[in-house]
Amino acid sequence: MNRKQMARLKKQVCRVVLDYFDKTYTNELGDQWQTVKEVLTTPGLWQYAVLLNNFQCSLETKKQLLLHGYQQLTHHTFPESLNCYINRNPGKFPSQRHQTGRIKGYYILNASSLLPVLALDVKHGESVLDMCAAPGGKSVTLLQCASPGHLHCNEPDIHRSRWLKETLESFVPASHMNAISTSELDGRLIGKAHANLYDKVLVDVPCSNDRSWLFSSDAEQAARRISERKILPAIQTGLLRSAIHALRPGGSVVYSTCTLSKAENSSVVSDVLNSCRDVLPVDLSDMANTLSHEFTFATHIPHGLLVLPHKGKAWGPMFVSKLIKL
């Protein structure tokens, strides 16, 4: 176990956030919350996946993964080019440091992060917008699934934008960067500035991020975050509406978060569906059925899928919804 893992295990759960989650999620998830709570509050149970980089694939890395008990996550619905390995045991495969001019061989991620990209179903040559792209994991995953004609990666926060650019530099060869552009625009304005431009849009919105919020550094910061949570749905709704404006007719958008919050998930999608007459929800139940052996999905979630962390399947939280523009 490395130093980062040790430090993570020593982190203390913030009582203020946990009490708030207990009240909110017991109401929204019922008895399921206690099982989810056990995983979220115990970093020693957390699992991590390893996404191989097709631009720099290493047979030695595959051998090491197999030696450490990893197995390839496969399904007939996955693109053949997607090579992701998971381990049913907790722990994290060693990360690779960023080195200028050197392409990394793999990306460490929560396996549920694959689902928004798989739902988006990008095809070769399509024009794609990743509206809230930092730190870049979903953009990297997307590039493992297809070769878009143009991938626009946007991140309005300057510091996170630098992180995004570093991620792209670490995983994409210079010869392929001509198909990728980056920007630092407010995503809520992109729809008007780039109306009817993209075939596919991914909106992985800023959200409560339940895992990190549970380990807030102090009670004051936790109380501030809980207060700020009230304004997030309005921001998220604005981002999703902008994404729809940016879509070409017939195009599709995937909205995703890493929170269990109903207000930030299905309620946002419901609000947009009620106010936008030119979009329809896409049924993702087939995805849930085919991937139920690796992920635990909540039941009766309107307009999307919600991955619940469970022991041995400690992926998520991750909400995924897909809309198509008429």
Protein backbone atom coordinates (compact mmCIF):
# COMPACT_ATOMS: atom_id res chain seq x y z
CA MET A 1 0.00 0.00 0.00
CA ASN A 2 1.50 3.36 -1.03
CA ARG A 3 1.52 6.65 0.92
CA LYS A 4 -1.47 8.10 -0.88
CA GLN A 5 -3.56 5.04 -0.07
CA MET A 6 -2.46 5.16 3.56
CA ALA A 7 -3.38 8.85 3.77
CA ARG A 8 -6.79 8.13 2.24
CA LEU A 9 -7.47 5.40 4.77
CA LYS A 10 -6.61 7.76 7.62
CA LYS A 11 -9.04 10.44 6.46
CA GLN A 12 -11.87 11.08 8.84
CA VAL A 13 -15.51 11.13 7.75
CA CYS A 14 -17.04 14.56 8.31
CA ARG A 15 -19.90 14.17 10.77
CA VAL A 16 -21.76 17.21 9.43
CA VAL A 17 -21.89 15.80 5.89
CA LEU A 18 -22.67 12.27 7.06
CA ASP A 19 -25.61 13.47 9.15
CA TYR A 20 -26.90 15.44 6.16
CA PHE A 21 -26.50 12.43 3.87
CA ASP A 22 -28.19 10.14 6.40
CA LYS A 23 -31.25 12.36 6.44
CA THR A 24 -31.35 12.99 2.67
CA TYR A 25 -30.49 9.56 1.32
CA THR A 26 -32.49 7.52 3.83
CA ASN A 27 -35.48 9.43 2.48
CA GLU A 28 -34.47 8.94 -1.18
CA LEU A 29 -32.95 5.43 -1.14
CA GLY A 30 -34.54 3.79 1.88
CA ASP A 31 -32.77 0.69 3.18
CA GLN A 32 -30.30 0.77 0.29
CA TRP A 33 -28.58 3.80 1.82
CA GLN A 34 -27.09 1.78 4.71
CA THR A 35 -25.30 -0.55 2.27
CA VAL A 36 -24.08 2.36 0.16
CA LYS A 37 -23.02 4.27 3.27
CA GLU A 38 -20.75 1.44 4.39
CA VAL A 39 -18.75 1.64 1.14
CA LEU A 40 -18.65 5.43 0.85
CA THR A 41 -17.38 5.88 4.41
CA THR A 42 -14.76 3.11 4.17
CA PRO A 43 -11.99 3.93 1.65
CA GLY A 44 -10.47 0.53 2.37
CA LEU A 45 -13.36 -0.99 0.41
CA TRP A 46 -12.93 1.21 -2.66
CA GLN A 47 -12.04 -0.40 -5.98
CA TYR A 48 -10.36 1.12 -9.02
CA ALA A 49 -10.29 0.15 -12.69
CA VAL A 50 -7.42 0.42 -15.15
CA LEU A 51 -8.16 1.70 -18.66
CA LEU A 52 -5.42 0.81 -21.13
CA ASN A 53 -4.35 3.48 -23.58
CA ASN A 54 -4.54 2.15 -27.14
CA PHE A 55 -2.05 4.80 -28.24
CA GLN A 56 0.60 3.26 -25.97
CA CYS A 57 -0.45 -0.29 -25.22
CA SER A 58 1.99 -2.48 -23.26
CA LEU A 59 1.90 -6.26 -23.01
CA GLU A 60 3.88 -5.96 -19.79
CA THR A 61 1.11 -3.86 -18.24
CA LYS A 62 -1.47 -6.49 -19.16
CA LYS A 63 0.71 -9.19 -17.58
CA GLN A 64 1.07 -7.18 -14.38
CA LEU A 65 -2.67 -6.59 -14.20
CA LEU A 66 -3.40 -10.30 -14.54
CA LEU A 67 -0.77 -11.11 -11.92
CA HIS A 68 -2.46 -8.70 -9.52
CA GLY A 69 -5.86 -10.34 -9.99
CA TYR A 70 -7.37 -7.97 -12.54
CA GLN A 71 -9.68 -9.21 -15.26
CA GLN A 72 -10.90 -7.49 -18.42
CA LEU A 73 -14.32 -5.89 -18.24
CA THR A 74 -16.00 -7.03 -21.44
CA HIS A 75 -19.43 -7.20 -22.94
CA HIS A 76 -20.74 -7.62 -26.48
CA THR A 77 -22.03 -4.04 -26.37
CA PHE A 78 -18.55 -2.62 -25.65
CA PRO A 79 -16.35 -1.34 -28.49
CA GLU A 80 -13.61 -3.88 -29.19
CA SER A 81 -11.06 -1.13 -28.71
CA LEU A 82 -12.08 -0.52 -25.09
CA ASN A 83 -9.65 -2.34 -22.81
CA CYS A 84 -10.58 -1.85 -19.18
CA TYR A 85 -9.47 -4.10 -16.32
CA ILE A 86 -11.13 -4.41 -12.92
CA ASN A 87 -10.29 -6.15 -9.67
CA ARG A 88 -12.98 -7.42 -7.33
CA ASN A 89 -10.67 -6.75 -4.40
CA PRO A 90 -10.14 -3.24 -3.01
CA GLY A 91 -6.95 -1.40 -3.88
CA LYS A 92 -5.40 0.73 -6.55
CA PHE A 93 -2.92 -0.14 -9.30
CA PRO A 94 0.11 2.21 -9.23
CA SER A 95 -0.47 5.49 -11.08
CA GLN A 96 1.94 6.86 -13.68
CA ARG A 97 3.44 10.31 -13.28
CA HIS A 98 3.02 12.96 -15.95
CA GLN A 99 6.16 13.43 -18.01
CA THR A 100 6.23 15.99 -20.79
CA GLY A 101 6.50 14.33 -24.18
CA ARG A 102 5.78 10.85 -22.83
CA ILE A 103 2.50 9.00 -23.39
CA LYS A 104 1.08 7.06 -20.44
CA GLY A 105 0.04 3.45 -20.89
CA TYR A 106 -3.09 3.47 -18.72
CA TYR A 107 -5.58 5.60 -16.77
CA ILE A 108 -6.87 4.82 -13.26
CA LEU A 109 -10.61 5.42 -12.84
CA ASN A 110 -13.83 4.42 -11.14
CA ALA A 111 -15.33 1.86 -13.53
CA SER A 112 -18.71 3.59 -13.40
CA SER A 113 -17.07 6.51 -15.25
CA LEU A 114 -17.18 4.34 -18.37
CA LEU A 115 -20.98 4.35 -18.44
CA PRO A 116 -21.62 7.94 -19.62
CA VAL A 117 -19.19 7.40 -22.51
CA LEU A 118 -20.70 4.03 -23.42
CA ALA A 119 -24.18 5.57 -23.32
CA LEU A 120 -23.06 8.39 -25.62
CA ASP A 121 -22.04 5.77 -28.21
CA VAL A 122 -19.72 7.98 -30.28
CA LYS A 123 -19.03 6.85 -33.85
CA HIS A 124 -15.94 7.44 -35.95
CA GLY A 125 -15.90 10.86 -37.59
CA GLU A 126 -18.57 12.48 -35.40
CA SER A 127 -18.28 15.95 -33.92
CA VAL A 128 -18.29 15.69 -30.12
CA LEU A 129 -18.38 18.16 -27.23
CA ASP A 130 -17.21 17.24 -23.74
CA MET A 131 -18.71 20.29 -22.02
CA CYS A 132 -17.23 19.93 -18.50
CA ALA A 133 -14.19 17.89 -19.40
CA ALA A 134 -11.67 18.19 -16.55
CA PRO A 135 -9.82 16.22 -15.36
CA GLY A 136 -10.14 14.47 -18.73
CA GLY A 137 -10.87 10.84 -17.91
CA LYS A 138 -14.06 10.66 -19.94
CA SER A 139 -12.39 12.37 -22.91
CA VAL A 140 -9.61 9.77 -22.73
CA THR A 141 -12.19 6.97 -22.51
CA LEU A 142 -14.09 8.39 -25.47
CA LEU A 143 -10.91 8.35 -27.56
CA GLN A 144 -10.44 4.67 -26.73
CA CYS A 145 -13.91 3.91 -28.10
CA ALA A 146 -13.88 5.88 -31.37
CA SER A 147 -11.99 8.43 -33.47
CA PRO A 148 -14.20 11.52 -33.62
CA GLY A 149 -13.80 13.92 -36.49
CA HIS A 150 -13.55 16.66 -33.88
CA LEU A 151 -13.49 16.47 -30.09
CA HIS A 152 -14.05 19.77 -28.29
CA CYS A 153 -12.98 19.57 -24.63
CA ASN A 154 -14.26 22.49 -22.57
CA GLU A 155 -13.46 23.37 -18.95
CA PRO A 156 -14.23 26.85 -17.59
CA ASP A 157 -12.08 26.65 -14.45
CA ILE A 158 -8.54 27.77 -15.30
CA HIS A 159 -6.78 25.42 -12.90
CA ARG A 160 -8.88 22.42 -13.91
CA SER A 161 -8.35 23.36 -17.56
CA ARG A 162 -4.60 23.02 -17.05
CA TRP A 163 -5.24 19.61 -15.52
CA LEU A 164 -7.34 18.66 -18.55
CA LYS A 165 -4.64 19.74 -21.00
CA GLU A 166 -2.03 17.79 -19.04
CA THR A 167 -4.23 14.69 -19.18
CA LEU A 168 -4.69 14.99 -22.94
CA GLU A 169 -0.94 15.52 -23.40
CA SER A 170 -0.30 12.39 -21.29
CA PHE A 171 -2.62 10.12 -23.26
CA VAL A 172 -2.90 11.43 -26.82
CA PRO A 173 0.03 11.51 -29.28
CA ALA A 174 0.80 14.85 -30.92
CA SER A 175 -0.15 13.33 -34.28
CA HIS A 176 -3.76 12.94 -33.08
CA MET A 177 -4.14 16.27 -31.30
CA ASN A 178 -5.20 18.07 -34.50
CA ALA A 179 -8.66 16.52 -34.06
CA ILE A 180 -8.96 17.91 -30.51
CA SER A 181 -9.60 21.47 -29.38
CA THR A 182 -9.84 22.89 -25.86
CA SER A 183 -11.59 25.97 -24.44
CA GLU A 184 -12.38 27.65 -21.11
CA LEU A 185 -15.95 28.79 -21.78
CA ASP A 186 -18.93 28.87 -19.45
CA GLY A 187 -20.76 25.77 -20.65
CA ARG A 188 -24.11 27.54 -20.27
CA LEU A 189 -23.10 29.86 -23.12
CA ILE A 190 -21.80 27.24 -25.54
CA GLY A 191 -25.26 26.33 -26.82
CA LYS A 192 -25.84 29.82 -28.23
CA ALA A 193 -22.27 30.24 -29.47
CA HIS A 194 -22.19 26.81 -31.17
CA ALA A 195 -25.85 26.08 -31.92
CA ASN A 196 -26.67 22.85 -33.83
CA LEU A 197 -22.96 22.04 -34.23
CA TYR A 198 -22.32 18.69 -32.53
CA ASP A 199 -23.45 15.13 -33.16
CA LYS A 200 -22.90 14.13 -29.52
CA VAL A 201 -22.49 16.10 -26.28
CA LEU A 202 -21.31 14.80 -22.92
CA VAL A 203 -22.31 16.91 -19.89
CA ASP A 204 -20.59 15.49 -16.82
CA VAL A 205 -21.69 18.39 -14.65
CA PRO A 206 -20.13 19.86 -11.50
CA CYS A 207 -21.96 18.13 -8.66
CA SER A 208 -21.90 17.32 -4.96
CA ASN A 209 -19.42 14.46 -5.48
CA ASP A 210 -20.54 12.41 -2.48
CA ARG A 211 -17.25 10.55 -1.98
CA SER A 212 -15.10 13.65 -1.60
CA TRP A 213 -17.74 15.62 0.35
CA LEU A 214 -17.82 12.94 3.05
CA PHE A 215 -14.17 13.66 3.74
CA SER A 216 -14.43 17.47 3.90
CA SER A 217 -11.53 18.87 5.88
CA ASP A 218 -13.60 20.64 8.53
CA ALA A 219 -17.16 21.31 9.67
CA GLU A 220 -17.13 24.89 8.36
CA GLN A 221 -16.20 23.79 4.84
CA ALA A 222 -18.82 21.04 5.03
CA ALA A 223 -21.55 23.45 6.05
CA ARG A 224 -20.59 25.74 3.18
CA ARG A 225 -20.74 22.88 0.70
CA ILE A 226 -24.17 21.81 1.93
CA SER A 227 -25.38 25.39 1.52
CA GLU A 228 -23.89 25.62 -1.99
CA ARG A 229 -25.62 22.36 -2.91
CA LYS A 230 -28.91 24.24 -3.14
CA ILE A 231 -27.74 26.24 -6.17
CA LEU A 232 -26.20 23.33 -8.09
CA PRO A 233 -29.42 22.09 -9.79
CA ALA A 234 -29.96 25.50 -11.43
CA ILE A 235 -26.40 25.45 -12.80
CA GLN A 236 -26.75 21.84 -13.95
CA THR A 237 -30.06 22.57 -15.67
CA GLY A 238 -28.50 25.50 -17.51
CA LEU A 239 -25.63 23.30 -18.68
CA LEU A 240 -27.97 20.57 -19.96
CA ARG A 241 -30.16 23.09 -21.82
CA SER A 242 -27.05 24.59 -23.40
CA ALA A 243 -25.93 21.12 -24.49
CA ILE A 244 -29.25 20.56 -26.22
CA HIS A 245 -28.89 23.86 -28.11
CA ALA A 246 -25.41 22.77 -29.22
CA LEU A 247 -26.74 19.50 -30.67
CA ARG A 248 -27.64 18.95 -34.28
CA PRO A 249 -31.15 17.57 -34.88
CA GLY A 250 -30.95 13.82 -34.38
CA GLY A 251 -27.97 14.19 -32.07
CA SER A 252 -27.82 12.94 -28.50
CA VAL A 253 -26.61 14.23 -25.16
CA VAL A 254 -25.58 12.30 -22.05
CA TYR A 255 -25.98 13.99 -18.68
CA SER A 256 -24.04 12.52 -15.75
CA THR A 257 -23.06 13.18 -12.13
CA CYS A 258 -21.16 11.38 -9.37
CA THR A 259 -23.78 12.02 -6.69
CA LEU A 260 -26.80 10.13 -5.37
CA SER A 261 -28.81 13.36 -5.11
CA LYS A 262 -32.22 13.18 -6.74
CA ALA A 263 -32.27 17.00 -6.99
CA GLU A 264 -29.10 16.94 -9.10
CA ASN A 265 -30.02 13.86 -11.11
CA SER A 266 -33.51 12.90 -12.28
CA SER A 267 -35.04 16.20 -11.14
CA VAL A 268 -32.70 18.17 -13.41
CA VAL A 269 -33.54 15.93 -16.36
CA SER A 270 -37.28 16.18 -15.60
CA ASP A 271 -37.07 19.96 -15.50
CA VAL A 272 -35.37 20.05 -18.90
CA LEU A 273 -37.81 17.57 -20.45
CA ASN A 274 -40.73 19.66 -19.19
CA SER A 275 -39.32 22.87 -20.69
CA CYS A 276 -37.68 21.63 -23.90
CA ARG A 277 -40.12 20.27 -26.48
CA ASP A 278 -37.43 19.10 -28.93
CA VAL A 279 -35.86 16.31 -26.83
CA LEU A 280 -36.91 12.84 -25.71
CA PRO A 281 -35.36 10.53 -23.08
CA VAL A 282 -33.61 7.36 -24.21
CA ASP A 283 -34.32 4.15 -22.29
CA LEU A 284 -31.05 2.83 -20.81
CA SER A 285 -32.55 -0.22 -19.10
CA ASP A 286 -30.81 -2.57 -21.55
CA MET A 287 -27.46 -1.18 -20.40
CA ALA A 288 -28.40 -1.81 -16.77
CA ASN A 289 -29.54 -5.35 -17.53
CA THR A 290 -26.43 -6.28 -19.46
CA LEU A 291 -24.03 -4.79 -16.88
CA SER A 292 -25.80 -5.88 -13.70
CA HIS A 293 -23.14 -8.52 -13.07
CA GLU A 294 -20.53 -5.78 -12.49
CA PHE A 295 -22.58 -2.79 -11.28
CA THR A 296 -25.41 -2.37 -8.79
CA PHE A 297 -28.18 -0.16 -10.16
CA ALA A 298 -30.87 1.53 -8.09
CA THR A 299 -34.45 0.69 -9.04
CA HIS A 300 -37.19 3.05 -10.17
CA ILE A 301 -34.92 5.95 -11.14
CA PRO A 302 -36.73 8.26 -13.60
CA HIS A 303 -34.99 9.15 -16.86
CA GLY A 304 -31.71 7.34 -16.23
CA LEU A 305 -29.49 4.91 -14.35
CA LEU A 306 -27.98 5.32 -10.88
CA VAL A 307 -24.98 3.18 -9.90
CA LEU A 308 -24.90 2.40 -6.17
CA PRO A 309 -21.60 1.45 -4.50
CA HIS A 310 -21.79 -1.99 -2.90
CA LYS A 311 -19.10 -4.10 -1.28
CA GLY A 312 -17.34 -6.05 -4.03
CA LYS A 313 -18.92 -3.72 -6.60
CA ALA A 314 -17.71 -0.45 -5.10
CA TRP A 315 -18.34 1.60 -8.23
CA GLY A 316 -20.18 4.89 -8.23
CA PRO A 317 -22.15 6.85 -7.33
CA MET A 318 -22.84 7.62 -10.98
CA PHE A 319 -26.03 8.90 -12.55
CA VAL A 320 -26.40 8.61 -16.32
CA SER A 321 -29.21 9.96 -18.50
CA LYS A 322 -29.45 10.18 -22.29
CA LEU A 323 -31.63 12.48 -24.40
CA ILE A 324 -32.07 12.67 -28.16
CA LYS A 325 -32.84 15.88 -30.05
CA LEU A 326 -35.72 15.66 -32.50
